[in-house]
Amino acid sequence: MYGASTLTTLAPSIAYLKNYPTAIAATTTFATITEVQKKQIVNSLIPWVIIPAGITVDFGLRIARIISDASARDSLVRAKTKAAKGL
């Protein structure tokens, strides 16, 4: 859950940063930032995207395996029950 939550929080932040006004030179106000500053900010966010993405994929694979195992056990129990009733 942490991975998905972090990714959904970061996605709008990165989209906002991408569309933030760009200046040619650095200024002392927060009205604009340079392309270099944008890249620095995005580069600092990369670990906060990659690690939660990996956690989310791992979580999804684990859940899929649990569901698959439960489904296989359910099928086996149904088959045994059906065979026992047939005897």
PDB file of N, CA and C in Angstrom:
ATOM      1  N   MET A   1       0.814  -1.188   0.000  1.00  0.00           N
ATOM      2  CA  MET A   1       0.000   0.000   0.000  1.00  0.00           C
ATOM      3  C   MET A   1       0.866   1.263   0.000  1.00  0.00           C
ATOM      4  N   TYR A   2       2.008   1.215   0.703  1.00  0.00           N
ATOM      5  CA  TYR A   2       2.878   2.379   0.756  1.00  0.00           C
ATOM      6  C   TYR A   2       3.328   2.794  -0.642  1.00  0.00           C
ATOM      7  N   GLY A   3       3.729   1.805  -1.445  1.00  0.00           N
ATOM      8  CA  GLY A   3       4.240   2.107  -2.777  1.00  0.00           C
ATOM      9  C   GLY A   3       3.213   2.804  -3.648  1.00  0.00           C
ATOM     10  N   ALA A   4       2.015   2.272  -3.681  1.00  0.00           N
ATOM     11  CA  ALA A   4       0.954   2.873  -4.501  1.00  0.00           C
ATOM     12  C   ALA A   4       0.581   4.252  -3.981  1.00  0.00           C
ATOM     13  N   SER A   5       0.528   4.395  -2.676  1.00  0.00           N
ATOM     14  CA  SER A   5       0.182   5.681  -2.075  1.00  0.00           C
ATOM     15  C   SER A   5       1.235   6.741  -2.408  1.00  0.00           C
ATOM     16  N   THR A   6       2.493   6.364  -2.312  1.00  0.00           N
ATOM     17  CA  THR A   6       3.577   7.303  -2.609  1.00  0.00           C
ATOM     18  C   THR A   6       3.562   7.697  -4.078  1.00  0.00           C
ATOM     19  N   LEU A   7       3.352   6.732  -4.942  1.00  0.00           N
ATOM     20  CA  LEU A   7       3.316   7.039  -6.379  1.00  0.00           C
ATOM     21  C   LEU A   7       2.167   7.968  -6.733  1.00  0.00           C
ATOM     22  N   THR A   8       1.001   7.753  -6.136  1.00  0.00           N
ATOM     23  CA  THR A   8      -0.131   8.621  -6.462  1.00  0.00           C
ATOM     24  C   THR A   8       0.045  10.021  -5.876  1.00  0.00           C
ATOM     25  N   THR A   9       0.872  10.145  -4.864  1.00  0.00           N
ATOM     26  CA  THR A   9       1.174  11.471  -4.313  1.00  0.00           C
ATOM     27  C   THR A   9       2.211  12.185  -5.169  1.00  0.00           C
ATOM     28  N   LEU A  10       3.190  11.450  -5.659  1.00  0.00           N
ATOM     29  CA  LEU A  10       4.261  12.060  -6.446  1.00  0.00           C
ATOM     30  C   LEU A  10       3.844  12.415  -7.863  1.00  0.00           C
ATOM     31  N   ALA A  11       2.940  11.662  -8.446  1.00  0.00           N
ATOM     32  CA  ALA A  11       2.553  11.910  -9.840  1.00  0.00           C
ATOM     33  C   ALA A  11       2.057  13.338 -10.073  1.00  0.00           C
ATOM     34  N   PRO A  12       1.135  13.872  -9.257  1.00  0.00           N
ATOM     35  CA  PRO A  12       0.708  15.255  -9.485  1.00  0.00           C
ATOM     36  C   PRO A  12       1.826  16.264  -9.230  1.00  0.00           C
ATOM     37  N   SER A  13       2.695  15.952  -8.290  1.00  0.00           N
ATOM     38  CA  SER A  13       3.806  16.863  -7.997  1.00  0.00           C
ATOM     39  C   SER A  13       4.754  16.975  -9.183  1.00  0.00           C
ATOM     40  N   ILE A  14       5.057  15.841  -9.784  1.00  0.00           N
ATOM     41  CA  ILE A  14       5.952  15.840 -10.944  1.00  0.00           C
ATOM     42  C   ILE A  14       5.270  16.508 -12.141  1.00  0.00           C
ATOM     43  N   ALA A  15       3.980  16.258 -12.320  1.00  0.00           N
ATOM     44  CA  ALA A  15       3.244  16.905 -13.416  1.00  0.00           C
ATOM     45  C   ALA A  15       3.228  18.422 -13.225  1.00  0.00           C
ATOM     46  N   TYR A  16       3.024  18.869 -11.986  1.00  0.00           N
ATOM     47  CA  TYR A  16       3.034  20.304 -11.704  1.00  0.00           C
ATOM     48  C   TYR A  16       4.405  20.892 -12.002  1.00  0.00           C
ATOM     49  N   LEU A  17       5.437  20.198 -11.572  1.00  0.00           N
ATOM     50  CA  LEU A  17       6.805  20.677 -11.803  1.00  0.00           C
ATOM     51  C   LEU A  17       7.103  20.753 -13.299  1.00  0.00           C
ATOM     52  N   LYS A  18       6.639  19.775 -14.051  1.00  0.00           N
ATOM     53  CA  LYS A  18       6.871  19.769 -15.499  1.00  0.00           C
ATOM     54  C   LYS A  18       6.259  20.999 -16.161  1.00  0.00           C
ATOM     55  N   ASN A  19       5.118  21.434 -15.677  1.00  0.00           N
ATOM     56  CA  ASN A  19       4.417  22.570 -16.274  1.00  0.00           C
ATOM     57  C   ASN A  19       4.742  23.910 -15.608  1.00  0.00           C
ATOM     58  N   TYR A  20       5.636  23.903 -14.631  1.00  0.00           N
ATOM     59  CA  TYR A  20       6.005  25.131 -13.940  1.00  0.00           C
ATOM     60  C   TYR A  20       6.764  26.050 -14.901  1.00  0.00           C
ATOM     61  N   PRO A  21       6.548  27.368 -14.839  1.00  0.00           N
ATOM     62  CA  PRO A  21       7.213  28.285 -15.762  1.00  0.00           C
ATOM     63  C   PRO A  21       8.740  28.181 -15.696  1.00  0.00           C
ATOM     64  N   THR A  22       9.365  28.240 -16.855  1.00  0.00           N
ATOM     65  CA  THR A  22      10.820  28.122 -16.947  1.00  0.00           C
ATOM     66  C   THR A  22      11.428  29.457 -17.343  1.00  0.00           C
ATOM     67  N   ALA A  23      12.535  29.773 -16.681  1.00  0.00           N
ATOM     68  CA  ALA A  23      13.259  31.003 -16.997  1.00  0.00           C
ATOM     69  C   ALA A  23      14.593  30.656 -17.646  1.00  0.00           C
ATOM     70  N   ILE A  24      15.138  31.614 -18.366  1.00  0.00           N
ATOM     71  CA  ILE A  24      16.449  31.412 -18.984  1.00  0.00           C
ATOM     72  C   ILE A  24      17.550  31.512 -17.939  1.00  0.00           C
ATOM     73  N   ALA A  25      17.415  32.451 -17.016  1.00  0.00           N
ATOM     74  CA  ALA A  25      18.410  32.644 -15.959  1.00  0.00           C
ATOM     75  C   ALA A  25      17.723  32.528 -14.605  1.00  0.00           C
ATOM     76  N   ALA A  26      18.499  32.175 -13.597  1.00  0.00           N
ATOM     77  CA  ALA A  26      17.959  32.050 -12.248  1.00  0.00           C
ATOM     78  C   ALA A  26      17.505  33.416 -11.740  1.00  0.00           C
ATOM     79  N   THR A  27      16.424  33.419 -10.979  1.00  0.00           N
ATOM     80  CA  THR A  27      15.905  34.658 -10.407  1.00  0.00           C
ATOM     81  C   THR A  27      15.831  34.514  -8.891  1.00  0.00           C
ATOM     82  N   THR A  28      15.607  35.628  -8.220  1.00  0.00           N
ATOM     83  CA  THR A  28      15.502  35.583  -6.756  1.00  0.00           C
ATOM     84  C   THR A  28      14.068  35.368  -6.293  1.00  0.00           C
ATOM     85  N   THR A  29      13.128  35.290  -7.213  1.00  0.00           N
ATOM     86  CA  THR A  29      11.735  35.046  -6.849  1.00  0.00           C
ATOM     87  C   THR A  29      11.372  33.595  -7.162  1.00  0.00           C
ATOM     88  N   PHE A  30      10.205  33.204  -6.718  1.00  0.00           N
ATOM     89  CA  PHE A  30       9.738  31.852  -6.990  1.00  0.00           C
ATOM     90  C   PHE A  30       8.822  31.804  -8.210  1.00  0.00           C
ATOM     91  N   ALA A  31       8.791  32.853  -8.995  1.00  0.00           N
ATOM     92  CA  ALA A  31       7.905  32.908 -10.152  1.00  0.00           C
ATOM     93  C   ALA A  31       8.316  31.911 -11.230  1.00  0.00           C
ATOM     94  N   THR A  32       9.612  31.670 -11.388  1.00  0.00           N
ATOM     95  CA  THR A  32      10.104  30.736 -12.398  1.00  0.00           C
ATOM     96  C   THR A  32      11.325  29.996 -11.864  1.00  0.00           C
ATOM     97  N   ILE A  33      11.654  28.903 -12.529  1.00  0.00           N
ATOM     98  CA  ILE A  33      12.905  28.192 -12.261  1.00  0.00           C
ATOM     99  C   ILE A  33      13.539  27.844 -13.594  1.00  0.00           C
ATOM    100  N   THR A  34      14.831  27.593 -13.578  1.00  0.00           N
ATOM    101  CA  THR A  34      15.528  27.255 -14.822  1.00  0.00           C
ATOM    102  C   THR A  34      15.373  25.766 -15.106  1.00  0.00           C
ATOM    103  N   GLU A  35      15.707  25.375 -16.333  1.00  0.00           N
ATOM    104  CA  GLU A  35      15.664  23.958 -16.711  1.00  0.00           C
ATOM    105  C   GLU A  35      16.618  23.142 -15.836  1.00  0.00           C
ATOM    106  N   VAL A  36      17.771  23.710 -15.525  1.00  0.00           N
ATOM    107  CA  VAL A  36      18.742  23.013 -14.669  1.00  0.00           C
ATOM    108  C   VAL A  36      18.135  22.768 -13.285  1.00  0.00           C
ATOM    109  N   GLN A  37      17.455  23.759 -12.743  1.00  0.00           N
ATOM    110  CA  GLN A  37      16.816  23.602 -11.440  1.00  0.00           C
ATOM    111  C   GLN A  37      15.718  22.550 -11.489  1.00  0.00           C
ATOM    112  N   LYS A  38      14.955  22.543 -12.574  1.00  0.00           N
ATOM    113  CA  LYS A  38      13.912  21.524 -12.736  1.00  0.00           C
ATOM    114  C   LYS A  38      14.522  20.127 -12.738  1.00  0.00           C
ATOM    115  N   LYS A  39      15.606  19.962 -13.494  1.00  0.00           N
ATOM    116  CA  LYS A  39      16.267  18.656 -13.575  1.00  0.00           C
ATOM    117  C   LYS A  39      16.805  18.230 -12.213  1.00  0.00           C
ATOM    118  N   GLN A  40      17.338  19.175 -11.445  1.00  0.00           N
ATOM    119  CA  GLN A  40      17.844  18.856 -10.114  1.00  0.00           C
ATOM    120  C   GLN A  40      16.710  18.362  -9.210  1.00  0.00           C
ATOM    121  N   ILE A  41      15.577  19.020  -9.287  1.00  0.00           N
ATOM    122  CA  ILE A  41      14.436  18.623  -8.458  1.00  0.00           C
ATOM    123  C   ILE A  41      13.936  17.247  -8.881  1.00  0.00           C
ATOM    124  N   VAL A  42      13.786  17.035 -10.182  1.00  0.00           N
ATOM    125  CA  VAL A  42      13.299  15.742 -10.668  1.00  0.00           C
ATOM    126  C   VAL A  42      14.291  14.632 -10.313  1.00  0.00           C
ATOM    127  N   ASN A  43      15.578  14.893 -10.467  1.00  0.00           N
ATOM    128  CA  ASN A  43      16.581  13.883 -10.124  1.00  0.00           C
ATOM    129  C   ASN A  43      16.536  13.517  -8.646  1.00  0.00           C
ATOM    130  N   SER A  44      16.215  14.467  -7.799  1.00  0.00           N
ATOM    131  CA  SER A  44      16.122  14.152  -6.369  1.00  0.00           C
ATOM    132  C   SER A  44      14.876  13.325  -6.061  1.00  0.00           C
ATOM    133  N   LEU A  45      13.880  13.349  -6.948  1.00  0.00           N
ATOM    134  CA  LEU A  45      12.651  12.576  -6.743  1.00  0.00           C
ATOM    135  C   LEU A  45      12.719  11.154  -7.314  1.00  0.00           C
ATOM    136  N   ILE A  46      13.716  10.881  -8.134  1.00  0.00           N
ATOM    137  CA  ILE A  46      13.808   9.572  -8.797  1.00  0.00           C
ATOM    138  C   ILE A  46      13.772   8.406  -7.804  1.00  0.00           C
ATOM    139  N   PRO A  47      14.556   8.428  -6.725  1.00  0.00           N
ATOM    140  CA  PRO A  47      14.465   7.302  -5.785  1.00  0.00           C
ATOM    141  C   PRO A  47      13.072   7.156  -5.172  1.00  0.00           C
ATOM    142  N   TRP A  48      12.375   8.279  -5.004  1.00  0.00           N
ATOM    143  CA  TRP A  48      11.028   8.248  -4.429  1.00  0.00           C
ATOM    144  C   TRP A  48       9.994   7.746  -5.419  1.00  0.00           C
ATOM    145  N   VAL A  49      10.387   7.563  -6.671  1.00  0.00           N
ATOM    146  CA  VAL A  49       9.508   6.983  -7.680  1.00  0.00           C
ATOM    147  C   VAL A  49       9.879   5.513  -7.904  1.00  0.00           C
ATOM    148  N   ILE A  50      11.166   5.241  -8.045  1.00  0.00           N
ATOM    149  CA  ILE A  50      11.620   3.889  -8.371  1.00  0.00           C
ATOM    150  C   ILE A  50      11.344   2.904  -7.232  1.00  0.00           C
ATOM    151  N   ILE A  51      11.698   3.271  -6.013  1.00  0.00           N
ATOM    152  CA  ILE A  51      11.525   2.347  -4.889  1.00  0.00           C
ATOM    153  C   ILE A  51      10.044   2.035  -4.640  1.00  0.00           C
ATOM    154  N   PRO A  52       9.160   3.035  -4.548  1.00  0.00           N
ATOM    155  CA  PRO A  52       7.741   2.696  -4.384  1.00  0.00           C
ATOM    156  C   PRO A  52       7.158   1.924  -5.570  1.00  0.00           C
ATOM    157  N   ALA A  53       7.649   2.190  -6.780  1.00  0.00           N
ATOM    158  CA  ALA A  53       7.173   1.427  -7.940  1.00  0.00           C
ATOM    159  C   ALA A  53       7.550  -0.039  -7.784  1.00  0.00           C
ATOM    160  N   GLY A  54       8.775  -0.300  -7.347  1.00  0.00           N
ATOM    161  CA  GLY A  54       9.202  -1.680  -7.098  1.00  0.00           C
ATOM    162  C   GLY A  54       8.381  -2.337  -6.006  1.00  0.00           C
ATOM    163  N   ILE A  55       8.097  -1.580  -4.948  1.00  0.00           N
ATOM    164  CA  ILE A  55       7.280  -2.108  -3.854  1.00  0.00           C
ATOM    165  C   ILE A  55       5.882  -2.442  -4.372  1.00  0.00           C
ATOM    166  N   THR A  56       5.327  -1.579  -5.205  1.00  0.00           N
ATOM    167  CA  THR A  56       3.980  -1.802  -5.743  1.00  0.00           C
ATOM    168  C   THR A  56       3.939  -3.048  -6.623  1.00  0.00           C
ATOM    169  N   VAL A  57       4.933  -3.217  -7.476  1.00  0.00           N
ATOM    170  CA  VAL A  57       4.993  -4.402  -8.345  1.00  0.00           C
ATOM    171  C   VAL A  57       5.138  -5.663  -7.493  1.00  0.00           C
ATOM    172  N   ASP A  58       6.017  -5.627  -6.499  1.00  0.00           N
ATOM    173  CA  ASP A  58       6.201  -6.772  -5.609  1.00  0.00           C
ATOM    174  C   ASP A  58       4.896  -7.117  -4.892  1.00  0.00           C
ATOM    175  N   PHE A  59       4.210  -6.098  -4.402  1.00  0.00           N
ATOM    176  CA  PHE A  59       2.935  -6.290  -3.713  1.00  0.00           C
ATOM    177  C   PHE A  59       1.918  -6.954  -4.640  1.00  0.00           C
ATOM    178  N   GLY A  60       1.831  -6.458  -5.855  1.00  0.00           N
ATOM    179  CA  GLY A  60       0.893  -7.017  -6.825  1.00  0.00           C
ATOM    180  C   GLY A  60       1.199  -8.476  -7.147  1.00  0.00           C
ATOM    181  N   LEU A  61       2.484  -8.794  -7.325  1.00  0.00           N
ATOM    182  CA  LEU A  61       2.871 -10.173  -7.621  1.00  0.00           C
ATOM    183  C   LEU A  61       2.567 -11.099  -6.451  1.00  0.00           C
ATOM    184  N   ARG A  62       2.817 -10.628  -5.234  1.00  0.00           N
ATOM    185  CA  ARG A  62       2.523 -11.449  -4.058  1.00  0.00           C
ATOM    186  C   ARG A  62       1.023 -11.717  -3.926  1.00  0.00           C
ATOM    187  N   ILE A  63       0.223 -10.685  -4.135  1.00  0.00           N
ATOM    188  CA  ILE A  63      -1.235 -10.846  -4.055  1.00  0.00           C
ATOM    189  C   ILE A  63      -1.722 -11.802  -5.139  1.00  0.00           C
ATOM    190  N   ALA A  64      -1.191 -11.671  -6.346  1.00  0.00           N
ATOM    191  CA  ALA A  64      -1.589 -12.567  -7.443  1.00  0.00           C
ATOM    192  C   ALA A  64      -1.245 -14.013  -7.106  1.00  0.00           C
ATOM    193  N   ARG A  65      -0.079 -14.234  -6.505  1.00  0.00           N
ATOM    194  CA  ARG A  65       0.318 -15.593  -6.129  1.00  0.00           C
ATOM    195  C   ARG A  65      -0.603 -16.143  -5.034  1.00  0.00           C
ATOM    196  N   ILE A  66      -0.936 -15.328  -4.050  1.00  0.00           N
ATOM    197  CA  ILE A  66      -1.831 -15.762  -2.972  1.00  0.00           C
ATOM    198  C   ILE A  66      -3.196 -16.139  -3.533  1.00  0.00           C
ATOM    199  N   ILE A  67      -3.722 -15.305  -4.434  1.00  0.00           N
ATOM    200  CA  ILE A  67      -5.026 -15.588  -5.048  1.00  0.00           C
ATOM    201  C   ILE A  67      -4.963 -16.862  -5.881  1.00  0.00           C
ATOM    202  N   SER A  68      -3.888 -17.038  -6.626  1.00  0.00           N
ATOM    203  CA  SER A  68      -3.725 -18.232  -7.450  1.00  0.00           C
ATOM    204  C   SER A  68      -3.650 -19.488  -6.584  1.00  0.00           C
ATOM    205  N   ASP A  69      -2.873 -19.430  -5.499  1.00  0.00           N
ATOM    206  CA  ASP A  69      -2.764 -20.578  -4.594  1.00  0.00           C
ATOM    207  C   ASP A  69      -4.112 -20.902  -3.955  1.00  0.00           C
ATOM    208  N   ALA A  70      -4.840 -19.880  -3.539  1.00  0.00           N
ATOM    209  CA  ALA A  70      -6.150 -20.096  -2.919  1.00  0.00           C
ATOM    210  C   ALA A  70      -7.128 -20.701  -3.929  1.00  0.00           C
ATOM    211  N   SER A  71      -7.061 -20.245  -5.152  1.00  0.00           N
ATOM    212  CA  SER A  71      -7.948 -20.770  -6.192  1.00  0.00           C
ATOM    213  C   SER A  71      -7.619 -22.232  -6.475  1.00  0.00           C
ATOM    214  N   ALA A  72      -6.338 -22.566  -6.513  1.00  0.00           N
ATOM    215  CA  ALA A  72      -5.937 -23.953  -6.761  1.00  0.00           C
ATOM    216  C   ALA A  72      -6.389 -24.852  -5.609  1.00  0.00           C
ATOM    217  N   ARG A  73      -6.222 -24.366  -4.369  1.00  0.00           N
ATOM    218  CA  ARG A  73      -6.679 -25.155  -3.215  1.00  0.00           C
ATOM    219  C   ARG A  73      -8.186 -25.337  -3.242  1.00  0.00           C
ATOM    220  N   ASP A  74      -8.904 -24.289  -3.609  1.00  0.00           N
ATOM    221  CA  ASP A  74     -10.371 -24.379  -3.682  1.00  0.00           C
ATOM    222  C   ASP A  74     -10.792 -25.403  -4.728  1.00  0.00           C
ATOM    223  N   SER A  75     -10.133 -25.395  -5.859  1.00  0.00           N
ATOM    224  CA  SER A  75     -10.452 -26.368  -6.915  1.00  0.00           C
ATOM    225  C   SER A  75     -10.170 -27.789  -6.446  1.00  0.00           C
ATOM    226  N   LEU A  76      -9.075 -27.980  -5.729  1.00  0.00           N
ATOM    227  CA  LEU A  76      -8.712 -29.296  -5.216  1.00  0.00           C
ATOM    228  C   LEU A  76      -9.740 -29.774  -4.193  1.00  0.00           C
ATOM    229  N   VAL A  77     -10.152 -28.898  -3.291  1.00  0.00           N
ATOM    230  CA  VAL A  77     -11.155 -29.257  -2.283  1.00  0.00           C
ATOM    231  C   VAL A  77     -12.477 -29.604  -2.945  1.00  0.00           C
ATOM    232  N   ARG A  78     -12.874 -28.840  -3.950  1.00  0.00           N
ATOM    233  CA  ARG A  78     -14.127 -29.130  -4.658  1.00  0.00           C
ATOM    234  C   ARG A  78     -14.071 -30.481  -5.354  1.00  0.00           C
ATOM    235  N   ALA A  79     -12.929 -30.774  -5.956  1.00  0.00           N
ATOM    236  CA  ALA A  79     -12.768 -32.060  -6.662  1.00  0.00           C
ATOM    237  C   ALA A  79     -12.834 -33.204  -5.666  1.00  0.00           C
ATOM    238  N   LYS A  80     -12.179 -33.065  -4.508  1.00  0.00           N
ATOM    239  CA  LYS A  80     -12.194 -34.123  -3.492  1.00  0.00           C
ATOM    240  C   LYS A  80     -13.610 -34.297  -2.931  1.00  0.00           C
ATOM    241  N   THR A  81     -14.296 -33.199  -2.706  1.00  0.00           N
ATOM    242  CA  THR A  81     -15.669 -33.258  -2.179  1.00  0.00           C
ATOM    243  C   THR A  81     -16.581 -33.952  -3.179  1.00  0.00           C
ATOM    244  N   LYS A  82     -16.425 -33.603  -4.443  1.00  0.00           N
ATOM    245  CA  LYS A  82     -17.253 -34.186  -5.496  1.00  0.00           C
ATOM    246  C   LYS A  82     -16.976 -35.690  -5.605  1.00  0.00           C
ATOM    247  N   ALA A  83     -15.698 -36.062  -5.512  1.00  0.00           N
ATOM    248  CA  ALA A  83     -15.324 -37.485  -5.593  1.00  0.00           C
ATOM    249  C   ALA A  83     -15.859 -38.238  -4.385  1.00  0.00           C
ATOM    250  N   ALA A  84     -15.817 -37.626  -3.207  1.00  0.00           N
ATOM    251  CA  ALA A  84     -16.305 -38.285  -1.991  1.00  0.00           C
ATOM    252  C   ALA A  84     -17.815 -38.489  -2.053  1.00  0.00           C
ATOM    253  N   LYS A  85     -18.530 -37.568  -2.613  1.00  0.00           N
ATOM    254  CA  LYS A  85     -19.987 -37.704  -2.739  1.00  0.00           C
ATOM    255  C   LYS A  85     -20.351 -38.780  -3.747  1.00  0.00           C
ATOM    256  N   GLY A  86     -19.473 -38.976  -4.722  1.00  0.00           N
ATOM    257  CA  GLY A  86     -19.739 -39.974  -5.747  1.00  0.00           C
ATOM    258  C   GLY A  86     -19.513 -41.388  -5.252  1.00  0.00           C
ATOM    259  N   LEU A  87     -18.795 -41.564  -4.142  1.00  0.00           N
ATOM    260  CA  LEU A  87     -18.528 -42.914  -3.625  1.00  0.00           C
ATOM    261  C   LEU A  87     -19.666 -43.462  -2.927  1.00  0.00           C
TER     262      LEU A  87
END
